[in-house]
C-alpha atoms as a PDB file:
ATOM      1  CA  MET A   1       2.998   4.395  75.901  1.00  0.00           C
ATOM      2  CA  THR A   2       3.664   2.265  72.892  1.00  0.00           C
ATOM      3  CA  VAL A   3       1.110   3.120  69.602  1.00  0.00           C
ATOM      4  CA  LEU A   4       0.007   1.760  66.872  1.00  0.00           C
ATOM      5  CA  ARG A   5       0.890   4.752  63.883  1.00  0.00           C
ATOM      6  CA  VAL A   6      -0.797   3.173  61.097  1.00  0.00           C
ATOM      7  CA  LEU A   7      -2.623   6.576  60.408  1.00  0.00           C
ATOM      8  CA  ASP A   8       0.390   8.065  60.064  1.00  0.00           C
ATOM      9  CA  ILE A   9       1.523   5.329  57.621  1.00  0.00           C
ATOM     10  CA  LEU A  10      -1.771   5.813  55.422  1.00  0.00           C
ATOM     11  CA  GLU A  11      -1.433   9.321  54.973  1.00  0.00           C
ATOM     12  CA  GLU A  12       2.329   9.335  54.043  1.00  0.00           C
ATOM     13  CA  GLN A  13       2.107   6.516  51.790  1.00  0.00           C
ATOM     14  CA  GLY A  14      -1.565   7.800  50.033  1.00  0.00           C
ATOM     15  CA  LYS A  15      -3.552   5.242  51.091  1.00  0.00           C
ATOM     16  CA  THR A  16      -7.524   5.095  53.237  1.00  0.00           C
ATOM     17  CA  LYS A  17      -8.121   3.075  55.570  1.00  0.00           C
ATOM     18  CA  TYR A  18     -10.671   1.991  54.257  1.00  0.00           C
ATOM     19  CA  TRP A  19      -7.714   0.710  51.684  1.00  0.00           C
ATOM     20  CA  LEU A  20      -6.036  -1.289  54.288  1.00  0.00           C
ATOM     21  CA  CYS A  21      -8.959  -2.580  56.064  1.00  0.00           C
ATOM     22  CA  LYS A  22     -10.785  -4.343  53.361  1.00  0.00           C
ATOM     23  CA  ARG A  23      -6.883  -5.596  52.431  1.00  0.00           C
ATOM     24  CA  MET A  24      -6.678  -6.806  56.164  1.00  0.00           C
ATOM     25  CA  GLU A  25     -10.069  -9.085  55.662  1.00  0.00           C
ATOM     26  CA  MET A  26     -11.455  -7.704  58.887  1.00  0.00           C
ATOM     27  CA  HIS A  27     -14.446  -6.295  60.292  1.00  0.00           C
ATOM     28  CA  TYR A  28     -14.113  -2.550  60.099  1.00  0.00           C
ATOM     29  CA  VAL A  29     -15.210  -1.880  63.714  1.00  0.00           C
ATOM     30  CA  SER A  30     -12.475  -4.035  64.672  1.00  0.00           C
ATOM     31  CA  PHE A  31      -9.753  -2.465  63.108  1.00  0.00           C
ATOM     32  CA  ASN A  32     -11.437   1.047  63.492  1.00  0.00           C
ATOM     33  CA  LYS A  33     -10.274   0.520  67.198  1.00  0.00           C
ATOM     34  CA  MET A  34      -7.036  -1.125  66.372  1.00  0.00           C
ATOM     35  CA  VAL A  35      -5.681   1.758  64.037  1.00  0.00           C
ATOM     36  CA  ASN A  36      -7.160   4.338  66.677  1.00  0.00           C
ATOM     37  CA  ASN A  37      -4.978   2.490  69.708  1.00  0.00           C
ATOM     38  CA  GLN A  38      -8.619   1.426  71.287  1.00  0.00           C
ATOM     39  CA  THR A  39      -7.458  -1.895  71.531  1.00  0.00           C
ATOM     40  CA  ALA A  40      -5.405  -3.619  74.570  1.00  0.00           C
ATOM     41  CA  SER A  41      -3.828  -6.248  72.188  1.00  0.00           C
ATOM     42  CA  ILE A  42      -3.123  -7.260  68.536  1.00  0.00           C
ATOM     43  CA  ARG A  43      -2.544 -10.641  67.242  1.00  0.00           C
ATOM     44  CA  PHE A  44       1.255 -11.126  65.470  1.00  0.00           C
ATOM     45  CA  ASP A  45      -0.451 -12.545  62.141  1.00  0.00           C
ATOM     46  CA  THR A  46      -1.861  -9.286  62.618  1.00  0.00           C
ATOM     47  CA  ILE A  47       0.902  -6.879  62.730  1.00  0.00           C
ATOM     48  CA  ASP A  48       2.662  -9.471  60.049  1.00  0.00           C
ATOM     49  CA  ARG A  49      -0.464  -8.811  57.521  1.00  0.00           C
ATOM     50  CA  MET A  50      -0.394  -5.230  57.817  1.00  0.00           C
ATOM     51  CA  ALA A  51       3.252  -4.703  58.071  1.00  0.00           C
ATOM     52  CA  GLN A  52       3.328  -6.916  54.335  1.00  0.00           C
ATOM     53  CA  LEU A  53       0.964  -4.681  53.339  1.00  0.00           C
ATOM     54  CA  LEU A  54       2.167  -1.474  54.004  1.00  0.00           C
ATOM     55  CA  GLU A  55       5.519  -2.608  53.187  1.00  0.00           C
ATOM     56  CA  VAL A  56       7.150  -1.408  56.343  1.00  0.00           C
ATOM     57  CA  SER A  57       9.226  -3.118  59.199  1.00  0.00           C
ATOM     58  CA  PRO A  58       6.646  -4.626  61.724  1.00  0.00           C
ATOM     59  CA  GLY A  59       8.761  -2.599  64.312  1.00  0.00           C
ATOM     60  CA  GLU A  60       8.045   0.457  61.856  1.00  0.00           C
ATOM     61  CA  LEU A  61       4.254   0.336  62.843  1.00  0.00           C
ATOM     62  CA  PHE A  62       4.782   1.565  66.401  1.00  0.00           C
ATOM     63  CA  LEU A  63       5.265   4.702  68.169  1.00  0.00           C
ATOM     64  CA  GLN A  64       6.957   4.665  71.815  1.00  0.00           C
ATOM     65  CA  ILE A  65       5.844   8.073  73.480  1.00  0.00           C
ATOM     66  CA  PRO A  66       7.523   8.492  77.229  1.00  0.00           C
ATOM     67  CA  ASP A  67       4.997   8.561  79.963  1.00  0.00           C
ATOM     68  CA  ASP A  68       4.121  11.597  80.964  1.00  0.00           C
ATOM     69  CA  LYS A  69       5.266  10.534  85.058  1.00  0.00           C
ATOM     70  CA  THR A  70       9.298  11.591  85.978  1.00  0.00           C
ATOM     71  CA  GLU A  71      10.465   8.872  87.998  1.00  0.00           C
ATOM     72  CA  GLU A  72      12.062  10.204  91.382  1.00  0.00           C
END
């Protein structure tokens, strides 16, 4: 599973969700669902904008979490 780690990055940088939401110019409900991994997709331009604002690469916004299932 791949998750968005924006909240971790914001905490590391001492910034708030409100700070990023305002700069992203998004509706708070949509933004909140996105950063809390409650959405099925994110547009590439949204990822690019978020990475620019947080001064990270787009890849740094994501974390790969192994599935709990073991392959047989």
